[in-house]
Amino acid sequence: GVALAGVGALLGLVGLLALRPVETLPDPWDPWRLAVYGLLALGPAAV
């Protein structure tokens, strides 16, 4: 279950990056960037 949650977080990260140009947001504390930070930590950690 934890491994599947990690894979889901990584797939969510890919989907978020495909839907929104998060890398162009200038504010490092923008909620979308924070979501990417969280998924970048949660996905690998769980797997």
All heavy atoms as atom14 arrays in JSON, in Angstrom:
{
  "sequence": "GVALAGVGALLGLVGLLALRPVETLPDPWDPWRLAVYGLLALGPAAV",
  "atom14_mask": [
    [1, 1, 1, 1, 0, 0, 0, 0, 0, 0, 0, 0, 0, 0],
    [1, 1, 1, 1, 1, 1, 1, 0, 0, 0, 0, 0, 0, 0],
    [1, 1, 1, 1, 1, 0, 0, 0, 0, 0, 0, 0, 0, 0],
    [1, 1, 1, 1, 1, 1, 1, 1, 0, 0, 0, 0, 0, 0],
    [1, 1, 1, 1, 1, 0, 0, 0, 0, 0, 0, 0, 0, 0],
    [1, 1, 1, 1, 0, 0, 0, 0, 0, 0, 0, 0, 0, 0],
    [1, 1, 1, 1, 1, 1, 1, 0, 0, 0, 0, 0, 0, 0],
    [1, 1, 1, 1, 0, 0, 0, 0, 0, 0, 0, 0, 0, 0],
    [1, 1, 1, 1, 1, 0, 0, 0, 0, 0, 0, 0, 0, 0],
    [1, 1, 1, 1, 1, 1, 1, 1, 0, 0, 0, 0, 0, 0],
    [1, 1, 1, 1, 1, 1, 1, 1, 0, 0, 0, 0, 0, 0],
    [1, 1, 1, 1, 0, 0, 0, 0, 0, 0, 0, 0, 0, 0],
    [1, 1, 1, 1, 1, 1, 1, 1, 0, 0, 0, 0, 0, 0],
    [1, 1, 1, 1, 1, 1, 1, 0, 0, 0, 0, 0, 0, 0],
    [1, 1, 1, 1, 0, 0, 0, 0, 0, 0, 0, 0, 0, 0],
    [1, 1, 1, 1, 1, 1, 1, 1, 0, 0, 0, 0, 0, 0],
    [1, 1, 1, 1, 1, 1, 1, 1, 0, 0, 0, 0, 0, 0],
    [1, 1, 1, 1, 1, 0, 0, 0, 0, 0, 0, 0, 0, 0],
    [1, 1, 1, 1, 1, 1, 1, 1, 0, 0, 0, 0, 0, 0],
    [1, 1, 1, 1, 1, 1, 1, 1, 1, 1, 1, 0, 0, 0],
    [1, 1, 1, 1, 1, 1, 1, 0, 0, 0, 0, 0, 0, 0],
    [1, 1, 1, 1, 1, 1, 1, 0, 0, 0, 0, 0, 0, 0],
    [1, 1, 1, 1, 1, 1, 1, 1, 1, 0, 0, 0, 0, 0],
    [1, 1, 1, 1, 1, 1, 1, 0, 0, 0, 0, 0, 0, 0],
    [1, 1, 1, 1, 1, 1, 1, 1, 0, 0, 0, 0, 0, 0],
    [1, 1, 1, 1, 1, 1, 1, 0, 0, 0, 0, 0, 0, 0],
    [1, 1, 1, 1, 1, 1, 1, 1, 0, 0, 0, 0, 0, 0],
    [1, 1, 1, 1, 1, 1, 1, 0, 0, 0, 0, 0, 0, 0],
    [1, 1, 1, 1, 1, 1, 1, 1, 1, 1, 1, 1, 1, 1],
    [1, 1, 1, 1, 1, 1, 1, 1, 0, 0, 0, 0, 0, 0],
    [1, 1, 1, 1, 1, 1, 1, 0, 0, 0, 0, 0, 0, 0],
    [1, 1, 1, 1, 1, 1, 1, 1, 1, 1, 1, 1, 1, 1],
    [1, 1, 1, 1, 1, 1, 1, 1, 1, 1, 1, 0, 0, 0],
    [1, 1, 1, 1, 1, 1, 1, 1, 0, 0, 0, 0, 0, 0],
    [1, 1, 1, 1, 1, 0, 0, 0, 0, 0, 0, 0, 0, 0],
    [1, 1, 1, 1, 1, 1, 1, 0, 0, 0, 0, 0, 0, 0],
    [1, 1, 1, 1, 1, 1, 1, 1, 1, 1, 1, 1, 0, 0],
    [1, 1, 1, 1, 0, 0, 0, 0, 0, 0, 0, 0, 0, 0],
    [1, 1, 1, 1, 1, 1, 1, 1, 0, 0, 0, 0, 0, 0],
    [1, 1, 1, 1, 1, 1, 1, 1, 0, 0, 0, 0, 0, 0],
    [1, 1, 1, 1, 1, 0, 0, 0, 0, 0, 0, 0, 0, 0],
    [1, 1, 1, 1, 1, 1, 1, 1, 0, 0, 0, 0, 0, 0],
    [1, 1, 1, 1, 0, 0, 0, 0, 0, 0, 0, 0, 0, 0],
    [1, 1, 1, 1, 1, 1, 1, 0, 0, 0, 0, 0, 0, 0],
    [1, 1, 1, 1, 1, 0, 0, 0, 0, 0, 0, 0, 0, 0],
    [1, 1, 1, 1, 1, 0, 0, 0, 0, 0, 0, 0, 0, 0],
    [1, 1, 1, 1, 1, 1, 1, 0, 0, 0, 0, 0, 0, 0]
  ],
  "atom14_positions": [
    [[0.81, -1.21, 0.0], [0.0, 0.0, 0.0], [0.84, 1.26, 0.0], [0.55, 2.22, -0.72], [0.0, 0.0, 0.0], [0.0, 0.0, 0.0], [0.0, 0.0, 0.0], [0.0, 0.0, 0.0], [0.0, 0.0, 0.0], [0.0, 0.0, 0.0], [0.0, 0.0, 0.0], [0.0, 0.0, 0.0], [0.0, 0.0, 0.0], [0.0, 0.0, 0.0]],
    [[1.92, 1.25, 0.81], [2.8, 2.42, 0.85], [3.5, 2.6, -0.49], [3.62, 3.73, -1.01], [3.83, 2.28, 2.0], [4.89, 3.38, 1.93], [3.13, 2.33, 3.35], [0.0, 0.0, 0.0], [0.0, 0.0, 0.0], [0.0, 0.0, 0.0], [0.0, 0.0, 0.0], [0.0, 0.0, 0.0], [0.0, 0.0, 0.0], [0.0, 0.0, 0.0]],
    [[3.97, 1.5, -1.1], [4.64, 1.59, -2.4], [3.67, 2.12, -3.47], [4.04, 2.96, -4.28], [5.2, 0.24, -2.81], [0.0, 0.0, 0.0], [0.0, 0.0, 0.0], [0.0, 0.0, 0.0], [0.0, 0.0, 0.0], [0.0, 0.0, 0.0], [0.0, 0.0, 0.0], [0.0, 0.0, 0.0], [0.0, 0.0, 0.0], [0.0, 0.0, 0.0]],
    [[2.41, 1.64, -3.44], [1.42, 2.13, -4.41], [1.12, 3.61, -4.2], [0.94, 4.36, -5.16], [0.14, 1.31, -4.31], [0.16, -0.04, -5.01], [-1.13, -0.8, -4.76], [0.38, 0.13, -6.5], [0.0, 0.0, 0.0], [0.0, 0.0, 0.0], [0.0, 0.0, 0.0], [0.0, 0.0, 0.0], [0.0, 0.0, 0.0], [0.0, 0.0, 0.0]],
    [[1.09, 4.03, -2.93], [0.88, 5.46, -2.65], [2.03, 6.28, -3.2], [1.83, 7.37, -3.75], [0.73, 5.67, -1.14], [0.0, 0.0, 0.0], [0.0, 0.0, 0.0], [0.0, 0.0, 0.0], [0.0, 0.0, 0.0], [0.0, 0.0, 0.0], [0.0, 0.0, 0.0], [0.0, 0.0, 0.0], [0.0, 0.0, 0.0], [0.0, 0.0, 0.0]],
    [[3.26, 5.76, -3.07], [4.41, 6.47, -3.62], [4.36, 6.56, -5.14], [4.63, 7.62, -5.71], [0.0, 0.0, 0.0], [0.0, 0.0, 0.0], [0.0, 0.0, 0.0], [0.0, 0.0, 0.0], [0.0, 0.0, 0.0], [0.0, 0.0, 0.0], [0.0, 0.0, 0.0], [0.0, 0.0, 0.0], [0.0, 0.0, 0.0], [0.0, 0.0, 0.0]],
    [[3.98, 5.46, -5.79], [3.85, 5.49, -7.25], [2.74, 6.45, -7.66], [2.86, 7.21, -8.62], [3.59, 4.06, -7.79], [3.24, 4.09, -9.26], [4.82, 3.18, -7.55], [0.0, 0.0, 0.0], [0.0, 0.0, 0.0], [0.0, 0.0, 0.0], [0.0, 0.0, 0.0], [0.0, 0.0, 0.0], [0.0, 0.0, 0.0], [0.0, 0.0, 0.0]],
    [[1.65, 6.45, -6.89], [0.56, 7.39, -7.17], [1.0, 8.84, -7.03], [0.62, 9.7, -7.83], [0.0, 0.0, 0.0], [0.0, 0.0, 0.0], [0.0, 0.0, 0.0], [0.0, 0.0, 0.0], [0.0, 0.0, 0.0], [0.0, 0.0, 0.0], [0.0, 0.0, 0.0], [0.0, 0.0, 0.0], [0.0, 0.0, 0.0], [0.0, 0.0, 0.0]],
    [[1.84, 9.11, -6.01], [2.35, 10.47, -5.83], [3.23, 10.87, -7.01], [3.16, 12.01, -7.49], [3.13, 10.57, -4.52], [0.0, 0.0, 0.0], [0.0, 0.0, 0.0], [0.0, 0.0, 0.0], [0.0, 0.0, 0.0], [0.0, 0.0, 0.0], [0.0, 0.0, 0.0], [0.0, 0.0, 0.0], [0.0, 0.0, 0.0], [0.0, 0.0, 0.0]],
    [[4.05, 9.96, -7.5], [4.91, 10.27, -8.65], [4.08, 10.48, -9.91], [4.38, 11.38, -10.71], [5.94, 9.15, -8.85], [6.99, 9.02, -7.74], [7.86, 7.79, -7.96], [7.85, 10.27, -7.65], [0.0, 0.0, 0.0], [0.0, 0.0, 0.0], [0.0, 0.0, 0.0], [0.0, 0.0, 0.0], [0.0, 0.0, 0.0], [0.0, 0.0, 0.0]],
    [[3.04, 9.66, -10.1], [2.16, 9.87, -11.25], [1.41, 11.19, -11.13], [1.21, 11.9, -12.12], [1.18, 8.7, -11.38], [1.78, 7.36, -11.79], [0.73, 6.26, -11.76], [2.41, 7.46, -13.17], [0.0, 0.0, 0.0], [0.0, 0.0, 0.0], [0.0, 0.0, 0.0], [0.0, 0.0, 0.0], [0.0, 0.0, 0.0], [0.0, 0.0, 0.0]],
    [[1.0, 11.53, -9.9], [0.36, 12.83, -9.69], [1.3, 13.98, -10.0], [0.89, 15.0, -10.55], [0.0, 0.0, 0.0], [0.0, 0.0, 0.0], [0.0, 0.0, 0.0], [0.0, 0.0, 0.0], [0.0, 0.0, 0.0], [0.0, 0.0, 0.0], [0.0, 0.0, 0.0], [0.0, 0.0, 0.0], [0.0, 0.0, 0.0], [0.0, 0.0, 0.0]],
    [[2.58, 13.8, -9.65], [3.58, 14.82, -9.97], [3.7, 15.01, -11.47], [3.72, 16.15, -11.97], [4.92, 14.42, -9.36], [6.12, 15.29, -9.7], [5.94, 16.7, -9.15], [7.4, 14.67, -9.16], [0.0, 0.0, 0.0], [0.0, 0.0, 0.0], [0.0, 0.0, 0.0], [0.0, 0.0, 0.0], [0.0, 0.0, 0.0], [0.0, 0.0, 0.0]],
    [[3.77, 13.9, -12.2], [3.87, 13.99, -13.66], [2.63, 14.67, -14.24], [2.72, 15.53, -15.13], [4.06, 12.58, -14.27], [3.94, 12.61, -15.78], [5.41, 12.01, -13.86], [0.0, 0.0, 0.0], [0.0, 0.0, 0.0], [0.0, 0.0, 0.0], [0.0, 0.0, 0.0], [0.0, 0.0, 0.0], [0.0, 0.0, 0.0], [0.0, 0.0, 0.0]],
    [[1.45, 14.3, -13.74], [0.22, 14.92, -14.22], [0.17, 16.41, -13.91], [-0.23, 17.22, -14.77], [0.0, 0.0, 0.0], [0.0, 0.0, 0.0], [0.0, 0.0, 0.0], [0.0, 0.0, 0.0], [0.0, 0.0, 0.0], [0.0, 0.0, 0.0], [0.0, 0.0, 0.0], [0.0, 0.0, 0.0], [0.0, 0.0, 0.0], [0.0, 0.0, 0.0]],
    [[0.6, 16.79, -12.72], [0.62, 18.21, -12.35], [1.56, 19.0, -13.24], [1.23, 20.1, -13.71], [1.03, 18.34, -10.88], [1.17, 19.75, -10.31], [-0.14, 20.52, -10.43], [1.63, 19.7, -8.88], [0.0, 0.0, 0.0], [0.0, 0.0, 0.0], [0.0, 0.0, 0.0], [0.0, 0.0, 0.0], [0.0, 0.0, 0.0], [0.0, 0.0, 0.0]],
    [[2.74, 18.43, -13.51], [3.7, 19.12, -14.38], [3.19, 19.22, -15.81], [3.51, 20.17, -16.53], [5.05, 18.4, -14.34], [5.79, 18.44, -13.01], [7.03, 17.57, -13.06], [6.16, 19.87, -12.64], [0.0, 0.0, 0.0], [0.0, 0.0, 0.0], [0.0, 0.0, 0.0], [0.0, 0.0, 0.0], [0.0, 0.0, 0.0], [0.0, 0.0, 0.0]],
    [[2.41, 18.23, -16.25], [1.87, 18.27, -17.61], [0.75, 19.3, -17.73], [0.56, 19.9, -18.79], [1.35, 16.89, -18.01], [0.0, 0.0, 0.0], [0.0, 0.0, 0.0], [0.0, 0.0, 0.0], [0.0, 0.0, 0.0], [0.0, 0.0, 0.0], [0.0, 0.0, 0.0], [0.0, 0.0, 0.0], [0.0, 0.0, 0.0], [0.0, 0.0, 0.0]],
    [[-0.01, 19.52, -16.65], [-1.16, 20.41, -16.71], [-0.81, 21.87, -16.42], [-1.47, 22.77, -16.92], [-2.25, 19.95, -15.73], [-2.91, 18.61, -16.06], [-3.86, 18.2, -14.96], [-3.65, 18.71, -17.38], [0.0, 0.0, 0.0], [0.0, 0.0, 0.0], [0.0, 0.0, 0.0], [0.0, 0.0, 0.0], [0.0, 0.0, 0.0], [0.0, 0.0, 0.0]],
    [[0.19, 22.1, -15.59], [0.51, 23.46, -15.17], [2.0, 23.73, -15.35], [2.82, 22.9, -14.99], [0.15, 23.69, -13.7], [-1.33, 23.66, -13.47], [-1.66, 24.33, -12.15], [-3.09, 24.48, -12.03], [-3.75, 25.59, -12.31], [-3.12, 26.65, -12.74], [-5.06, 25.65, -12.16], [0.0, 0.0, 0.0], [0.0, 0.0, 0.0], [0.0, 0.0, 0.0]],
    [[2.37, 24.9, -15.85], [3.8, 25.25, -15.98], [4.36, 25.71, -14.64], [4.7, 26.88, -14.45], [3.78, 26.37, -17.02], [2.44, 27.02, -16.84], [1.49, 25.93, -16.42], [0.0, 0.0, 0.0], [0.0, 0.0, 0.0], [0.0, 0.0, 0.0], [0.0, 0.0, 0.0], [0.0, 0.0, 0.0], [0.0, 0.0, 0.0], [0.0, 0.0, 0.0]],
    [[4.46, 24.78, -13.7], [4.86, 25.12, -12.33], [6.28, 25.69, -12.3], [6.59, 26.57, -11.49], [4.76, 23.86, -11.44], [5.14, 24.17, -10.0], [3.37, 23.29, -11.49], [0.0, 0.0, 0.0], [0.0, 0.0, 0.0], [0.0, 0.0, 0.0], [0.0, 0.0, 0.0], [0.0, 0.0, 0.0], [0.0, 0.0, 0.0], [0.0, 0.0, 0.0]],
    [[7.12, 25.22, -13.21], [8.53, 25.65, -13.2], [8.68, 27.13, -13.54], [9.72, 27.73, -13.25], [9.36, 24.8, -14.15], [9.0, 24.94, -15.62], [7.8, 24.12, -16.05], [7.19, 23.44, -15.2], [7.47, 24.17, -17.24], [0.0, 0.0, 0.0], [0.0, 0.0, 0.0], [0.0, 0.0, 0.0], [0.0, 0.0, 0.0], [0.0, 0.0, 0.0]],
    [[7.64, 27.74, -14.14], [7.74, 29.15, -14.51], [7.23, 30.08, -13.4], [7.36, 31.3, -13.53], [6.93, 29.43, -15.79], [5.56, 29.11, -15.54], [7.46, 28.59, -16.95], [0.0, 0.0, 0.0], [0.0, 0.0, 0.0], [0.0, 0.0, 0.0], [0.0, 0.0, 0.0], [0.0, 0.0, 0.0], [0.0, 0.0, 0.0], [0.0, 0.0, 0.0]],
    [[6.65, 29.53, -12.35], [6.14, 30.38, -11.27], [7.31, 30.99, -10.5], [8.17, 30.27, -10.01], [5.27, 29.55, -10.32], [4.01, 28.95, -10.93], [3.33, 28.01, -9.96], [3.05, 30.05, -11.36], [0.0, 0.0, 0.0], [0.0, 0.0, 0.0], [0.0, 0.0, 0.0], [0.0, 0.0, 0.0], [0.0, 0.0, 0.0], [0.0, 0.0, 0.0]],
    [[7.35, 32.32, -10.36], [8.51, 32.95, -9.72], [8.52, 32.8, -8.2], [9.59, 32.8, -7.59], [8.39, 34.42, -10.14], [6.94, 34.63, -10.41], [6.41, 33.3, -10.9], [0.0, 0.0, 0.0], [0.0, 0.0, 0.0], [0.0, 0.0, 0.0], [0.0, 0.0, 0.0], [0.0, 0.0, 0.0], [0.0, 0.0, 0.0], [0.0, 0.0, 0.0]],
    [[7.34, 32.7, -7.58], [7.26, 32.64, -6.12], [7.55, 31.22, -5.64], [6.8, 30.29, -5.95], [5.87, 33.07, -5.67], [5.72, 33.05, -4.15], [6.75, 32.94, -3.45], [4.57, 33.14, -3.67], [0.0, 0.0, 0.0], [0.0, 0.0, 0.0], [0.0, 0.0, 0.0], [0.0, 0.0, 0.0], [0.0, 0.0, 0.0], [0.0, 0.0, 0.0]],
    [[8.65, 31.02, -4.88], [8.96, 29.65, -4.43], [7.93, 29.11, -3.44], [7.91, 27.91, -3.18], [10.34, 29.77, -3.79], [10.5, 31.21, -3.47], [9.67, 31.98, -4.44], [0.0, 0.0, 0.0], [0.0, 0.0, 0.0], [0.0, 0.0, 0.0], [0.0, 0.0, 0.0], [0.0, 0.0, 0.0], [0.0, 0.0, 0.0], [0.0, 0.0, 0.0]],
    [[7.08, 29.98, -2.86], [6.06, 29.53, -1.9], [4.67, 29.48, -2.52], [3.68, 29.4, -1.81], [6.07, 30.46, -0.68], [7.41, 30.52, -0.03], [8.26, 31.56, -0.04], [8.06, 29.47, 0.69], [9.43, 31.24, 0.63], [9.33, 29.96, 1.09], [7.72, 28.16, 1.03], [10.23, 29.2, 1.8], [8.62, 27.4, 1.75], [9.86, 27.92, 2.12]],
    [[4.6, 29.54, -3.83], [3.32, 29.39, -4.52], [2.74, 28.02, -4.17], [3.46, 27.02, -4.1], [3.54, 29.51, -6.03], [2.24, 29.48, -6.79], [1.71, 28.37, -7.01], [1.76, 30.56, -7.16], [0.0, 0.0, 0.0], [0.0, 0.0, 0.0], [0.0, 0.0, 0.0], [0.0, 0.0, 0.0], [0.0, 0.0, 0.0], [0.0, 0.0, 0.0]],
    [[1.41, 27.92, -3.95], [0.81, 26.62, -3.57], [1.09, 25.5, -4.57], [1.27, 24.34, -4.17], [-0.69, 26.94, -3.49], [-0.76, 28.4, -3.22], [0.43, 29.01, -3.88], [0.0, 0.0, 0.0], [0.0, 0.0, 0.0], [0.0, 0.0, 0.0], [0.0, 0.0, 0.0], [0.0, 0.0, 0.0], [0.0, 0.0, 0.0], [0.0, 0.0, 0.0]],
    [[1.14, 25.83, -5.87], [1.42, 24.77, -6.84], [2.85, 24.28, -6.72], [3.12, 23.08, -6.86], [1.15, 25.27, -8.26], [-0.3, 25.46, -8.53], [-0.96, 26.64, -8.72], [-1.29, 24.43, -8.63], [-2.29, 26.42, -8.92], [-2.54, 25.06, -8.88], [-1.26, 23.05, -8.52], [-3.72, 24.35, -9.02], [-2.44, 22.33, -8.68], [-3.64, 22.98, -8.92]],
    [[3.78, 25.21, -6.47], [5.17, 24.77, -6.26], [5.29, 23.95, -4.98], [6.02, 22.95, -4.93], [6.1, 25.98, -6.22], [6.41, 26.54, -7.58], [7.44, 27.65, -7.53], [8.77, 27.14, -7.24], [9.87, 27.5, -7.88], [9.8, 28.39, -8.87], [11.03, 27.01, -7.57], [0.0, 0.0, 0.0], [0.0, 0.0, 0.0], [0.0, 0.0, 0.0]],
    [[4.57, 24.36, -3.94], [4.59, 23.59, -2.69], [4.04, 22.18, -2.91], [4.54, 21.22, -2.32], [3.79, 24.31, -1.61], [4.38, 25.63, -1.1], [3.45, 26.28, -0.09], [5.75, 25.4, -0.48], [0.0, 0.0, 0.0], [0.0, 0.0, 0.0], [0.0, 0.0, 0.0], [0.0, 0.0, 0.0], [0.0, 0.0, 0.0], [0.0, 0.0, 0.0]],
    [[3.02, 22.08, -3.77], [2.49, 20.75, -4.07], [3.54, 19.89, -4.76], [3.69, 18.7, -4.47], [1.25, 20.88, -4.95], [0.0, 0.0, 0.0], [0.0, 0.0, 0.0], [0.0, 0.0, 0.0], [0.0, 0.0, 0.0], [0.0, 0.0, 0.0], [0.0, 0.0, 0.0], [0.0, 0.0, 0.0], [0.0, 0.0, 0.0], [0.0, 0.0, 0.0]],
    [[4.31, 20.5, -5.68], [5.38, 19.76, -6.35], [6.44, 19.34, -5.35], [6.92, 18.2, -5.37], [5.99, 20.61, -7.49], [7.24, 19.95, -8.06], [4.96, 20.8, -8.6], [0.0, 0.0, 0.0], [0.0, 0.0, 0.0], [0.0, 0.0, 0.0], [0.0, 0.0, 0.0], [0.0, 0.0, 0.0], [0.0, 0.0, 0.0], [0.0, 0.0, 0.0]],
    [[6.82, 20.25, -4.43], [7.81, 19.89, -3.41], [7.33, 18.68, -2.6], [8.09, 17.75, -2.33], [8.05, 21.05, -2.44], [8.54, 22.33, -3.03], [8.32, 23.54, -2.38], [9.22, 22.38, -4.25], [8.76, 24.74, -2.91], [9.66, 23.57, -4.79], [9.43, 24.75, -4.11], [9.86, 25.94, -4.64], [0.0, 0.0, 0.0], [0.0, 0.0, 0.0]],
    [[6.05, 18.73, -2.19], [5.51, 17.64, -1.39], [5.51, 16.32, -2.14], [5.89, 15.28, -1.58], [0.0, 0.0, 0.0], [0.0, 0.0, 0.0], [0.0, 0.0, 0.0], [0.0, 0.0, 0.0], [0.0, 0.0, 0.0], [0.0, 0.0, 0.0], [0.0, 0.0, 0.0], [0.0, 0.0, 0.0], [0.0, 0.0, 0.0], [0.0, 0.0, 0.0]],
    [[5.09, 16.35, -3.41], [5.07, 15.11, -4.19], [6.48, 14.61, -4.48], [6.72, 13.39, -4.52], [4.31, 15.34, -5.51], [2.81, 15.59, -5.36], [2.2, 16.0, -6.69], [2.1, 14.37, -4.8], [0.0, 0.0, 0.0], [0.0, 0.0, 0.0], [0.0, 0.0, 0.0], [0.0, 0.0, 0.0], [0.0, 0.0, 0.0], [0.0, 0.0, 0.0]],
    [[7.43, 15.55, -4.67], [8.83, 15.15, -4.89], [9.42, 14.45, -3.66], [10.3, 13.61, -3.79], [9.68, 16.38, -5.2], [9.92, 16.72, -6.66], [10.69, 18.02, -6.78], [10.63, 15.6, -7.39], [0.0, 0.0, 0.0], [0.0, 0.0, 0.0], [0.0, 0.0, 0.0], [0.0, 0.0, 0.0], [0.0, 0.0, 0.0], [0.0, 0.0, 0.0]],
    [[8.95, 14.82, -2.48], [9.43, 14.18, -1.26], [8.65, 12.91, -0.96], [9.22, 11.87, -0.62], [9.36, 15.15, -0.09], [0.0, 0.0, 0.0], [0.0, 0.0, 0.0], [0.0, 0.0, 0.0], [0.0, 0.0, 0.0], [0.0, 0.0, 0.0], [0.0, 0.0, 0.0], [0.0, 0.0, 0.0], [0.0, 0.0, 0.0], [0.0, 0.0, 0.0]],
    [[7.32, 12.99, -1.08], [6.46, 11.88, -0.68], [6.62, 10.66, -1.58], [6.69, 9.52, -1.11], [5.0, 12.34, -0.68], [3.97, 11.29, -0.28], [4.18, 10.86, 1.15], [2.57, 11.83, -0.48], [0.0, 0.0, 0.0], [0.0, 0.0, 0.0], [0.0, 0.0, 0.0], [0.0, 0.0, 0.0], [0.0, 0.0, 0.0], [0.0, 0.0, 0.0]],
    [[6.67, 10.88, -2.9], [6.75, 9.74, -3.83], [7.98, 8.87, -3.61], [7.86, 7.68, -3.3], [0.0, 0.0, 0.0], [0.0, 0.0, 0.0], [0.0, 0.0, 0.0], [0.0, 0.0, 0.0], [0.0, 0.0, 0.0], [0.0, 0.0, 0.0], [0.0, 0.0, 0.0], [0.0, 0.0, 0.0], [0.0, 0.0, 0.0], [0.0, 0.0, 0.0]],
    [[9.2, 9.45, -3.73], [10.39, 8.62, -3.49], [10.46, 8.06, -2.08], [10.88, 6.92, -1.87], [11.55, 9.59, -3.76], [10.98, 10.63, -4.64], [9.55, 10.77, -4.24], [0.0, 0.0, 0.0], [0.0, 0.0, 0.0], [0.0, 0.0, 0.0], [0.0, 0.0, 0.0], [0.0, 0.0, 0.0], [0.0, 0.0, 0.0], [0.0, 0.0, 0.0]],
    [[10.03, 8.85, -1.07], [10.11, 8.37, 0.31], [9.27, 7.12, 0.5], [9.71, 6.13, 1.11], [9.67, 9.47, 1.28], [0.0, 0.0, 0.0], [0.0, 0.0, 0.0], [0.0, 0.0, 0.0], [0.0, 0.0, 0.0], [0.0, 0.0, 0.0], [0.0, 0.0, 0.0], [0.0, 0.0, 0.0], [0.0, 0.0, 0.0], [0.0, 0.0, 0.0]],
    [[8.05, 7.12, -0.04], [7.17, 5.96, 0.12], [7.72, 4.74, -0.61], [7.75, 3.64, -0.06], [5.77, 6.31, -0.37], [0.0, 0.0, 0.0], [0.0, 0.0, 0.0], [0.0, 0.0, 0.0], [0.0, 0.0, 0.0], [0.0, 0.0, 0.0], [0.0, 0.0, 0.0], [0.0, 0.0, 0.0], [0.0, 0.0, 0.0], [0.0, 0.0, 0.0]],
    [[8.18, 4.94, -1.84], [8.69, 3.81, -2.62], [9.95, 3.23, -1.98], [10.07, 2.01, -1.79], [8.96, 4.24, -4.08], [9.69, 3.16, -4.84], [7.65, 4.59, -4.78], [0.0, 0.0, 0.0], [0.0, 0.0, 0.0], [0.0, 0.0, 0.0], [0.0, 0.0, 0.0], [0.0, 0.0, 0.0], [0.0, 0.0, 0.0], [0.0, 0.0, 0.0]]
  ]
}
